[in-house]
Structure formats: C-alpha cells, structure tokens
PDB file of N, CA and C in Angstrom:
ATOM      1  N   MET A   1     104.775  89.025  97.385  1.00  0.00           N
ATOM      2  CA  MET A   1     104.516  90.319  97.999  1.00  0.00           C
ATOM      3  C   MET A   1     103.054  90.703  97.776  1.00  0.00           C
ATOM      4  N   GLU A   2     102.439  91.144  98.831  1.00  0.00           N
ATOM      5  CA  GLU A   2     101.048  91.592  98.768  1.00  0.00           C
ATOM      6  C   GLU A   2     100.948  92.828  97.871  1.00  0.00           C
ATOM      7  N   ALA A   3      99.838  92.964  97.166  1.00  0.00           N
ATOM      8  CA  ALA A   3      99.628  94.083  96.255  1.00  0.00           C
ATOM      9  C   ALA A   3      99.054  95.297  96.987  1.00  0.00           C
ATOM     10  N   ILE A   4      99.180  96.457  96.340  1.00  0.00           N
ATOM     11  CA  ILE A   4      98.522  97.670  96.829  1.00  0.00           C
ATOM     12  C   ILE A   4      97.023  97.456  96.692  1.00  0.00           C
ATOM     13  N   ARG A   5      96.278  97.759  97.764  1.00  0.00           N
ATOM     14  CA  ARG A   5      94.816  97.655  97.708  1.00  0.00           C
ATOM     15  C   ARG A   5      94.240  99.064  97.609  1.00  0.00           C
ATOM     16  N   LEU A   6      93.377  99.263  96.625  1.00  0.00           N
ATOM     17  CA  LEU A   6      92.811 100.583  96.383  1.00  0.00           C
ATOM     18  C   LEU A   6      91.298 100.485  96.292  1.00  0.00           C
ATOM     19  N   GLU A   7      90.616 101.378  97.003  1.00  0.00           N
ATOM     20  CA  GLU A   7      89.157 101.437  96.950  1.00  0.00           C
ATOM     21  C   GLU A   7      88.767 102.856  96.546  1.00  0.00           C
ATOM     22  N   HIS A   8      88.097 102.967  95.379  1.00  0.00           N
ATOM     23  CA  HIS A   8      87.641 104.272  94.889  1.00  0.00           C
ATOM     24  C   HIS A   8      86.379 104.684  95.641  1.00  0.00           C
ATOM     25  N   GLN A   9      86.384 105.897  96.155  1.00  0.00           N
ATOM     26  CA  GLN A   9      85.206 106.491  96.790  1.00  0.00           C
ATOM     27  C   GLN A   9      84.523 105.561  97.801  1.00  0.00           C
ATOM     28  N   PRO A  10      85.236 105.139  98.844  1.00  0.00           N
ATOM     29  CA  PRO A  10      84.591 104.283  99.852  1.00  0.00           C
ATOM     30  C   PRO A  10      83.469 105.051 100.553  1.00  0.00           C
ATOM     31  N   PRO A  11      82.488 104.338 101.098  1.00  0.00           N
ATOM     32  CA  PRO A  11      81.379 105.009 101.782  1.00  0.00           C
ATOM     33  C   PRO A  11      81.881 105.802 102.998  1.00  0.00           C
ATOM     34  N   LEU A  12      81.233 106.930 103.269  1.00  0.00           N
ATOM     35  CA  LEU A  12      81.586 107.777 104.403  1.00  0.00           C
ATOM     36  C   LEU A  12      81.566 106.988 105.712  1.00  0.00           C
ATOM     37  N   GLU A  13      80.626 106.055 105.840  1.00  0.00           N
ATOM     38  CA  GLU A  13      80.520 105.239 107.061  1.00  0.00           C
ATOM     39  C   GLU A  13      81.808 104.446 107.284  1.00  0.00           C
ATOM     40  N   LYS A  14      82.391 103.926 106.203  1.00  0.00           N
ATOM     41  CA  LYS A  14      83.636 103.155 106.318  1.00  0.00           C
ATOM     42  C   LYS A  14      84.774 104.060 106.771  1.00  0.00           C
ATOM     43  N   LEU A  15      84.866 105.248 106.173  1.00  0.00           N
ATOM     44  CA  LEU A  15      85.928 106.189 106.540  1.00  0.00           C
ATOM     45  C   LEU A  15      85.815 106.575 108.009  1.00  0.00           C
ATOM     46  N   LYS A  16      84.594 106.827 108.465  1.00  0.00           N
ATOM     47  CA  LYS A  16      84.370 107.188 109.867  1.00  0.00           C
ATOM     48  C   LYS A  16      84.727 106.039 110.797  1.00  0.00           C
ATOM     49  N   SER A  17      84.352 104.820 110.419  1.00  0.00           N
ATOM     50  CA  SER A  17      84.636 103.661 111.281  1.00  0.00           C
ATOM     51  C   SER A  17      86.141 103.402 111.394  1.00  0.00           C
ATOM     52  N   LEU A  18      86.902 103.742 110.355  1.00  0.00           N
ATOM     53  CA  LEU A  18      88.363 103.600 110.385  1.00  0.00           C
ATOM     54  C   LEU A  18      89.025 104.751 111.147  1.00  0.00           C
ATOM     55  N   GLY A  19      88.284 105.833 111.360  1.00  0.00           N
ATOM     56  CA  GLY A  19      88.846 107.002 112.032  1.00  0.00           C
ATOM     57  C   GLY A  19      89.708 107.866 111.131  1.00  0.00           C
ATOM     58  N   VAL A  20      89.491 107.760 109.814  1.00  0.00           N
ATOM     59  CA  VAL A  20      90.325 108.437 108.819  1.00  0.00           C
ATOM     60  C   VAL A  20      90.499 109.934 109.108  1.00  0.00           C
ATOM     61  N   PHE A  21      89.426 110.607 109.499  1.00  0.00           N
ATOM     62  CA  PHE A  21      89.494 112.064 109.623  1.00  0.00           C
ATOM     63  C   PHE A  21      90.246 112.528 110.872  1.00  0.00           C
ATOM     64  N   SER A  22      90.644 111.588 111.736  1.00  0.00           N
ATOM     65  CA  SER A  22      91.470 111.937 112.892  1.00  0.00           C
ATOM     66  C   SER A  22      92.944 111.601 112.648  1.00  0.00           C
ATOM     67  N   TRP A  23      93.251 110.976 111.507  1.00  0.00           N
ATOM     68  CA  TRP A  23      94.632 110.630 111.178  1.00  0.00           C
ATOM     69  C   TRP A  23      95.417 111.895 110.817  1.00  0.00           C
ATOM     70  N   PRO A  24      96.747 111.856 110.978  1.00  0.00           N
ATOM     71  CA  PRO A  24      97.572 113.014 110.568  1.00  0.00           C
ATOM     72  C   PRO A  24      97.458 113.252 109.061  1.00  0.00           C
ATOM     73  N   ILE A  25      97.872 114.442 108.662  1.00  0.00           N
ATOM     74  CA  ILE A  25      97.868 114.805 107.238  1.00  0.00           C
ATOM     75  C   ILE A  25      99.306 114.965 106.757  1.00  0.00           C
ATOM     76  N   TRP A  26      99.580 114.442 105.571  1.00  0.00           N
ATOM     77  CA  TRP A  26     100.886 114.572 104.914  1.00  0.00           C
ATOM     78  C   TRP A  26     100.662 115.286 103.597  1.00  0.00           C
ATOM     79  N   GLN A  27     101.572 116.222 103.272  1.00  0.00           N
ATOM     80  CA  GLN A  27     101.482 116.972 102.027  1.00  0.00           C
ATOM     81  C   GLN A  27     102.828 116.966 101.322  1.00  0.00           C
ATOM     82  N   LYS A  28     102.801 116.975  99.996  1.00  0.00           N
ATOM     83  CA  LYS A  28     104.057 116.973  99.229  1.00  0.00           C
ATOM     84  C   LYS A  28     103.789 117.548  97.843  1.00  0.00           C
ATOM     85  N   GLU A  29     104.740 118.353  97.381  1.00  0.00           N
ATOM     86  CA  GLU A  29     104.653 118.927  96.036  1.00  0.00           C
ATOM     87  C   GLU A  29     104.961 117.864  94.974  1.00  0.00           C
ATOM     88  N   ALA A  30     104.698 118.197  93.724  1.00  0.00           N
ATOM     89  CA  ALA A  30     104.988 117.295  92.612  1.00  0.00           C
ATOM     90  C   ALA A  30     106.476 116.940  92.611  1.00  0.00           C
ATOM     91  N   CYS A  31     106.770 115.644  92.544  1.00  0.00           N
ATOM     92  CA  CYS A  31     108.145 115.147  92.536  1.00  0.00           C
ATOM     93  C   CYS A  31     108.114 113.638  92.329  1.00  0.00           C
ATOM     94  N   GLU A  32     109.279 113.027  92.340  1.00  0.00           N
ATOM     95  CA  GLU A  32     109.378 111.572  92.247  1.00  0.00           C
ATOM     96  C   GLU A  32     110.438 111.104  93.232  1.00  0.00           C
ATOM     97  N   PHE A  33     110.136 110.007  93.969  1.00  0.00           N
ATOM     98  CA  PHE A  33     111.084 109.518  94.967  1.00  0.00           C
ATOM     99  C   PHE A  33     110.819 108.047  95.284  1.00  0.00           C
ATOM    100  N   PRO A  34     111.869 107.306  95.682  1.00  0.00           N
ATOM    101  CA  PRO A  34     111.687 105.912  96.106  1.00  0.00           C
ATOM    102  C   PRO A  34     111.195 105.885  97.550  1.00  0.00           C
ATOM    103  N   TYR A  35     110.450 104.839  97.899  1.00  0.00           N
ATOM    104  CA  TYR A  35     109.974 104.694  99.275  1.00  0.00           C
ATOM    105  C   TYR A  35     109.862 103.217  99.620  1.00  0.00           C
ATOM    106  N   SER A  36     110.200 102.888 100.868  1.00  0.00           N
ATOM    107  CA  SER A  36     110.068 101.517 101.371  1.00  0.00           C
ATOM    108  C   SER A  36     109.150 101.547 102.586  1.00  0.00           C
ATOM    109  N   TYR A  37     108.175 100.647 102.614  1.00  0.00           N
ATOM    110  CA  TYR A  37     107.228 100.565 103.722  1.00  0.00           C
ATOM    111  C   TYR A  37     107.705  99.548 104.751  1.00  0.00           C
ATOM    112  N   ASP A  38     108.069 100.033 105.953  1.00  0.00           N
ATOM    113  CA  ASP A  38     108.469  99.158 107.052  1.00  0.00           C
ATOM    114  C   ASP A  38     107.245  98.508 107.685  1.00  0.00           C
ATOM    115  N   SER A  39     106.121  99.248 107.676  1.00  0.00           N
ATOM    116  CA  SER A  39     104.863  98.718 108.205  1.00  0.00           C
ATOM    117  C   SER A  39     103.747  99.107 107.242  1.00  0.00           C
ATOM    118  N   GLN A  40     102.605  98.470 107.396  1.00  0.00           N
ATOM    119  CA  GLN A  40     101.472  98.746 106.513  1.00  0.00           C
ATOM    120  C   GLN A  40     100.997 100.186 106.712  1.00  0.00           C
ATOM    121  N   GLU A  41     100.733 100.875 105.605  1.00  0.00           N
ATOM    122  CA  GLU A  41     100.151 102.217 105.666  1.00  0.00           C
ATOM    123  C   GLU A  41      98.799 102.207 104.979  1.00  0.00           C
ATOM    124  N   THR A  42      97.825 102.839 105.616  1.00  0.00           N
ATOM    125  CA  THR A  42      96.531 103.086 104.991  1.00  0.00           C
ATOM    126  C   THR A  42      96.432 104.592 104.831  1.00  0.00           C
ATOM    127  N   CYS A  43      96.020 105.049 103.656  1.00  0.00           N
ATOM    128  CA  CYS A  43      95.869 106.487 103.457  1.00  0.00           C
ATOM    129  C   CYS A  43      94.611 106.788 102.661  1.00  0.00           C
ATOM    130  N   TYR A  44      94.169 108.024 102.811  1.00  0.00           N
ATOM    131  CA  TYR A  44      92.984 108.517 102.107  1.00  0.00           C
ATOM    132  C   TYR A  44      93.382 109.827 101.445  1.00  0.00           C
ATOM    133  N   LEU A  45      93.361 109.847 100.106  1.00  0.00           N
ATOM    134  CA  LEU A  45      93.820 111.015  99.357  1.00  0.00           C
ATOM    135  C   LEU A  45      92.749 112.095  99.333  1.00  0.00           C
ATOM    136  N   LEU A  46      93.112 113.270  99.842  1.00  0.00           N
ATOM    137  CA  LEU A  46      92.210 114.422  99.854  1.00  0.00           C
ATOM    138  C   LEU A  46      92.375 115.256  98.587  1.00  0.00           C
ATOM    139  N   GLN A  47      93.633 115.428  98.167  1.00  0.00           N
ATOM    140  CA  GLN A  47      93.952 116.225  96.976  1.00  0.00           C
ATOM    141  C   GLN A  47      95.142 115.604  96.280  1.00  0.00           C
ATOM    142  N   GLY A  48      95.248 115.875  94.979  1.00  0.00           N
ATOM    143  CA  GLY A  48      96.435 115.478  94.241  1.00  0.00           C
ATOM    144  C   GLY A  48      96.201 114.383  93.232  1.00  0.00           C
ATOM    145  N   HIS A  49      97.302 113.927  92.668  1.00  0.00           N
ATOM    146  CA  HIS A  49      97.297 112.879  91.640  1.00  0.00           C
ATOM    147  C   HIS A  49      98.656 112.200  91.707  1.00  0.00           C
ATOM    148  N   VAL A  50      98.646 110.877  91.924  1.00  0.00           N
ATOM    149  CA  VAL A  50      99.874 110.123  92.173  1.00  0.00           C
ATOM    150  C   VAL A  50      99.878 108.809  91.397  1.00  0.00           C
ATOM    151  N   PHE A  51     101.062 108.390  90.993  1.00  0.00           N
ATOM    152  CA  PHE A  51     101.281 107.036  90.492  1.00  0.00           C
ATOM    153  C   PHE A  51     102.302 106.392  91.426  1.00  0.00           C
ATOM    154  N   VAL A  52     101.947 105.254  92.011  1.00  0.00           N
ATOM    155  CA  VAL A  52     102.878 104.511  92.858  1.00  0.00           C
ATOM    156  C   VAL A  52     103.189 103.204  92.131  1.00  0.00           C
ATOM    157  N   THR A  53     104.475 102.973  91.888  1.00  0.00           N
ATOM    158  CA  THR A  53     104.897 101.780  91.156  1.00  0.00           C
ATOM    159  C   THR A  53     105.677 100.864  92.079  1.00  0.00           C
ATOM    160  N   PRO A  54     105.089  99.710  92.438  1.00  0.00           N
ATOM    161  CA  PRO A  54     105.820  98.738  93.258  1.00  0.00           C
ATOM    162  C   PRO A  54     107.011  98.186  92.474  1.00  0.00           C
ATOM    163  N   GLU A  55     108.086  97.867  93.179  1.00  0.00           N
ATOM    164  CA  GLU A  55     109.268  97.283  92.551  1.00  0.00           C
ATOM    165  C   GLU A  55     108.841  96.042  91.770  1.00  0.00           C
ATOM    166  N   GLY A  56     109.132  96.034  90.467  1.00  0.00           N
ATOM    167  CA  GLY A  56     108.788  94.895  89.621  1.00  0.00           C
ATOM    168  C   GLY A  56     107.318  94.806  89.266  1.00  0.00           C
ATOM    169  N   GLY A  57     106.537  95.866  89.564  1.00  0.00           N
ATOM    170  CA  GLY A  57     105.100  95.823  89.298  1.00  0.00           C
ATOM    171  C   GLY A  57     104.635  96.957  88.404  1.00  0.00           C
ATOM    172  N   GLN A  58     103.333  97.044  88.254  1.00  0.00           N
ATOM    173  CA  GLN A  58     102.699  98.054  87.412  1.00  0.00           C
ATOM    174  C   GLN A  58     102.305  99.273  88.252  1.00  0.00           C
ATOM    175  N   PRO A  59     102.309 100.477  87.650  1.00  0.00           N
ATOM    176  CA  PRO A  59     101.909 101.675  88.374  1.00  0.00           C
ATOM    177  C   PRO A  59     100.439 101.603  88.816  1.00  0.00           C
ATOM    178  N   VAL A  60     100.174 102.139  90.004  1.00  0.00           N
ATOM    179  CA  VAL A  60      98.821 102.238  90.530  1.00  0.00           C
ATOM    180  C   VAL A  60      98.493 103.729  90.606  1.00  0.00           C
ATOM    181  N   GLU A  61      97.416 104.130  89.930  1.00  0.00           N
ATOM    182  CA  GLU A  61      97.010 105.538  89.917  1.00  0.00           C
ATOM    183  C   GLU A  61      96.123 105.824  91.114  1.00  0.00           C
ATOM    184  N   ILE A  62      96.430 106.910  91.839  1.00  0.00           N
ATOM    185  CA  ILE A  62      95.683 107.284  93.034  1.00  0.00           C
ATOM    186  C   ILE A  62      95.189 108.715  92.863  1.00  0.00           C
ATOM    187  N   ARG A  63      93.883 108.891  93.100  1.00  0.00           N
ATOM    188  CA  ARG A  63      93.247 110.197  92.930  1.00  0.00           C
ATOM    189  C   ARG A  63      92.450 110.550  94.182  1.00  0.00           C
ATOM    190  N   PRO A  64      92.016 111.806  94.305  1.00  0.00           N
ATOM    191  CA  PRO A  64      91.224 112.198  95.479  1.00  0.00           C
ATOM    192  C   PRO A  64      90.022 111.282  95.689  1.00  0.00           C
ATOM    193  N   GLY A  65      89.789 110.938  96.966  1.00  0.00           N
ATOM    194  CA  GLY A  65      88.681 110.050  97.303  1.00  0.00           C
ATOM    195  C   GLY A  65      89.066 108.587  97.336  1.00  0.00           C
ATOM    196  N   ASP A  66      90.337 108.276  97.037  1.00  0.00           N
ATOM    197  CA  ASP A  66      90.794 106.885  97.063  1.00  0.00           C
ATOM    198  C   ASP A  66      91.328 106.516  98.447  1.00  0.00           C
ATOM    199  N   LEU A  67      90.927 105.347  98.930  1.00  0.00           N
ATOM    200  CA  LEU A  67      91.448 104.764 100.162  1.00  0.00           C
ATOM    201  C   LEU A  67      92.432 103.685  99.730  1.00  0.00           C
ATOM    202  N   VAL A  68      93.677 103.775 100.201  1.00  0.00           N
ATOM    203  CA  VAL A  68      94.742 102.904  99.706  1.00  0.00           C
ATOM    204  C   VAL A  68      95.467 102.240 100.870  1.00  0.00           C
ATOM    205  N   VAL A  69      95.779 100.952 100.697  1.00  0.00           N
ATOM    206  CA  VAL A  69      96.569 100.224 101.691  1.00  0.00           C
ATOM    207  C   VAL A  69      97.856  99.756 101.013  1.00  0.00           C
ATOM    208  N   PHE A  70      98.994 100.209 101.572  1.00  0.00           N
ATOM    209  CA  PHE A  70     100.312  99.802 101.092  1.00  0.00           C
ATOM    210  C   PHE A  70     100.840  98.739 102.054  1.00  0.00           C
ATOM    211  N   PRO A  71     101.210  97.554 101.549  1.00  0.00           N
ATOM    212  CA  PRO A  71     101.652  96.473 102.436  1.00  0.00           C
ATOM    213  C   PRO A  71     103.042  96.710 103.032  1.00  0.00           C
ATOM    214  N   ALA A  72     103.254  96.206 104.235  1.00  0.00           N
ATOM    215  CA  ALA A  72     104.574  96.262 104.869  1.00  0.00           C
ATOM    216  C   ALA A  72     105.568  95.497 104.000  1.00  0.00           C
ATOM    217  N   GLY A  73     106.770  96.033 103.882  1.00  0.00           N
ATOM    218  CA  GLY A  73     107.822  95.367 103.118  1.00  0.00           C
ATOM    219  C   GLY A  73     107.885  95.758 101.657  1.00  0.00           C
ATOM    220  N   MET A  74     106.946  96.575 101.193  1.00  0.00           N
ATOM    221  CA  MET A  74     106.917  96.965  99.779  1.00  0.00           C
ATOM    222  C   MET A  74     107.917  98.084  99.499  1.00  0.00           C
ATOM    223  N   ASN A  75     108.677  97.923  98.425  1.00  0.00           N
ATOM    224  CA  ASN A  75     109.536  98.983  97.898  1.00  0.00           C
ATOM    225  C   ASN A  75     108.860  99.511  96.648  1.00  0.00           C
ATOM    226  N   CYS A  76     108.835 100.834  96.498  1.00  0.00           N
ATOM    227  CA  CYS A  76     108.117 101.412  95.368  1.00  0.00           C
ATOM    228  C   CYS A  76     108.698 102.776  95.008  1.00  0.00           C
ATOM    229  N   THR A  77     108.168 103.335  93.944  1.00  0.00           N
ATOM    230  CA  THR A  77     108.493 104.697  93.539  1.00  0.00           C
ATOM    231  C   THR A  77     107.203 105.504  93.501  1.00  0.00           C
ATOM    232  N   TRP A  78     107.219 106.629  94.186  1.00  0.00           N
ATOM    233  CA  TRP A  78     106.092 107.569  94.157  1.00  0.00           C
ATOM    234  C   TRP A  78     106.375 108.609  93.088  1.00  0.00           C
ATOM    235  N   ARG A  79     105.410 108.829  92.187  1.00  0.00           N
ATOM    236  CA  ARG A  79     105.499 109.930  91.213  1.00  0.00           C
ATOM    237  C   ARG A  79     104.277 110.809  91.444  1.00  0.00           C
ATOM    238  N   ILE A  80     104.510 111.935  92.093  1.00  0.00           N
ATOM    239  CA  ILE A  80     103.421 112.869  92.392  1.00  0.00           C
ATOM    240  C   ILE A  80     103.287 113.822  91.211  1.00  0.00           C
ATOM    241  N   VAL A  81     102.160 113.727  90.516  1.00  0.00           N
ATOM    242  CA  VAL A  81     101.901 114.537  89.333  1.00  0.00           C
ATOM    243  C   VAL A  81     101.330 115.892  89.750  1.00  0.00           C
ATOM    244  N   LYS A  82     100.449 115.872  90.745  1.00  0.00           N
ATOM    245  CA  LYS A  82      99.808 117.082  91.254  1.00  0.00           C
ATOM    246  C   LYS A  82      99.878 117.030  92.773  1.00  0.00           C
ATOM    247  N   ARG A  83     100.276 118.128  93.390  1.00  0.00           N
ATOM    248  CA  ARG A  83     100.487 118.232  94.844  1.00  0.00           C
ATOM    249  C   ARG A  83      99.515 117.365  95.642  1.00  0.00           C
ATOM    250  N   VAL A  84     100.082 116.580  96.583  1.00  0.00           N
ATOM    251  CA  VAL A  84      99.313 115.624  97.366  1.00  0.00           C
ATOM    252  C   VAL A  84      99.004 116.142  98.772  1.00  0.00           C
ATOM    253  N   ARG A  85      97.798 115.832  99.214  1.00  0.00           N
ATOM    254  CA  ARG A  85      97.388 116.051 100.612  1.00  0.00           C
ATOM    255  C   ARG A  85      96.589 114.820 100.983  1.00  0.00           C
ATOM    256  N   LYS A  86      97.039 114.101 102.032  1.00  0.00           N
ATOM    257  CA  LYS A  86      96.378 112.845 102.390  1.00  0.00           C
ATOM    258  C   LYS A  86      96.375 112.632 103.898  1.00  0.00           C
ATOM    259  N   HIS A  87      95.356 111.909 104.366  1.00  0.00           N
ATOM    260  CA  HIS A  87      95.361 111.380 105.730  1.00  0.00           C
ATOM    261  C   HIS A  87      96.120 110.061 105.655  1.00  0.00           C
ATOM    262  N   TYR A  88      96.872 109.717 106.710  1.00  0.00           N
ATOM    263  CA  TYR A  88      97.612 108.450 106.699  1.00  0.00           C
ATOM    264  C   TYR A  88      97.651 107.845 108.093  1.00  0.00           C
ATOM    265  N   ASN A  89      97.820 106.526 108.112  1.00  0.00           N
ATOM    266  CA  ASN A  89      97.892 105.781 109.369  1.00  0.00           C
ATOM    267  C   ASN A  89      98.765 104.549 109.153  1.00  0.00           C
ATOM    268  N   TYR A  90      99.737 104.352 110.051  1.00  0.00           N
ATOM    269  CA  TYR A  90     100.581 103.155 109.994  1.00  0.00           C
ATOM    270  C   TYR A  90     100.066 102.121 110.975  1.00  0.00           C
ATOM    271  N   ALA A  91      99.942 100.873 110.515  1.00  0.00           N
ATOM    272  CA  ALA A  91      99.453  99.786 111.387  1.00  0.00           C
ATOM    273  C   ALA A  91     100.611  99.143 112.113  1.00  0.00           C
TER     274      ALA A  91
END
C-alpha cells in the first residue's frame, strides 16, 4: 500500500499550479472516525491539527500549511485534535 505523502509549507506557486484555492472546503470539529479512500485525495490544511493513522501503520501528523496526498484504497483513522478546515480534491 502506498504511503501518505506530506509536504510541509509547499511553495505558493505549487499550490496555485494545482488549483488548490479553487477546491471545495471541508470542515469538521474535534473527533475520531474511521475512513476509507476509494480514490486518491489531495488536501491542503488551512486550520486545525490532525493525526491520520493508516491501518497497520504509524500516525501522520498534519498541521496548517501541509499539502497531503492520501492514496486510493487506504483505510485509516482520523483523529482531529483541533477543528479542521481544508481544501480537498479527489483524483
């Protein structure tokens, strides 16, 4: 299984070229829940603090300014420590 790819503070030019700021926004309060990715998701965290733990893997910490790619087929648990607001796009 492909790993979660995380890039801290990517350059603004990269975000613009991906069209990040035109993607929809998703928000969620602090909680914990399982999630399965049917298709690849790329997201850019605007606010919040999250730990995403892939099934059988180590937690990945995600903070504001992080660009993250979740692979298709991944099962994981989201633990939102601080309310999340993110742009997201499914490939």
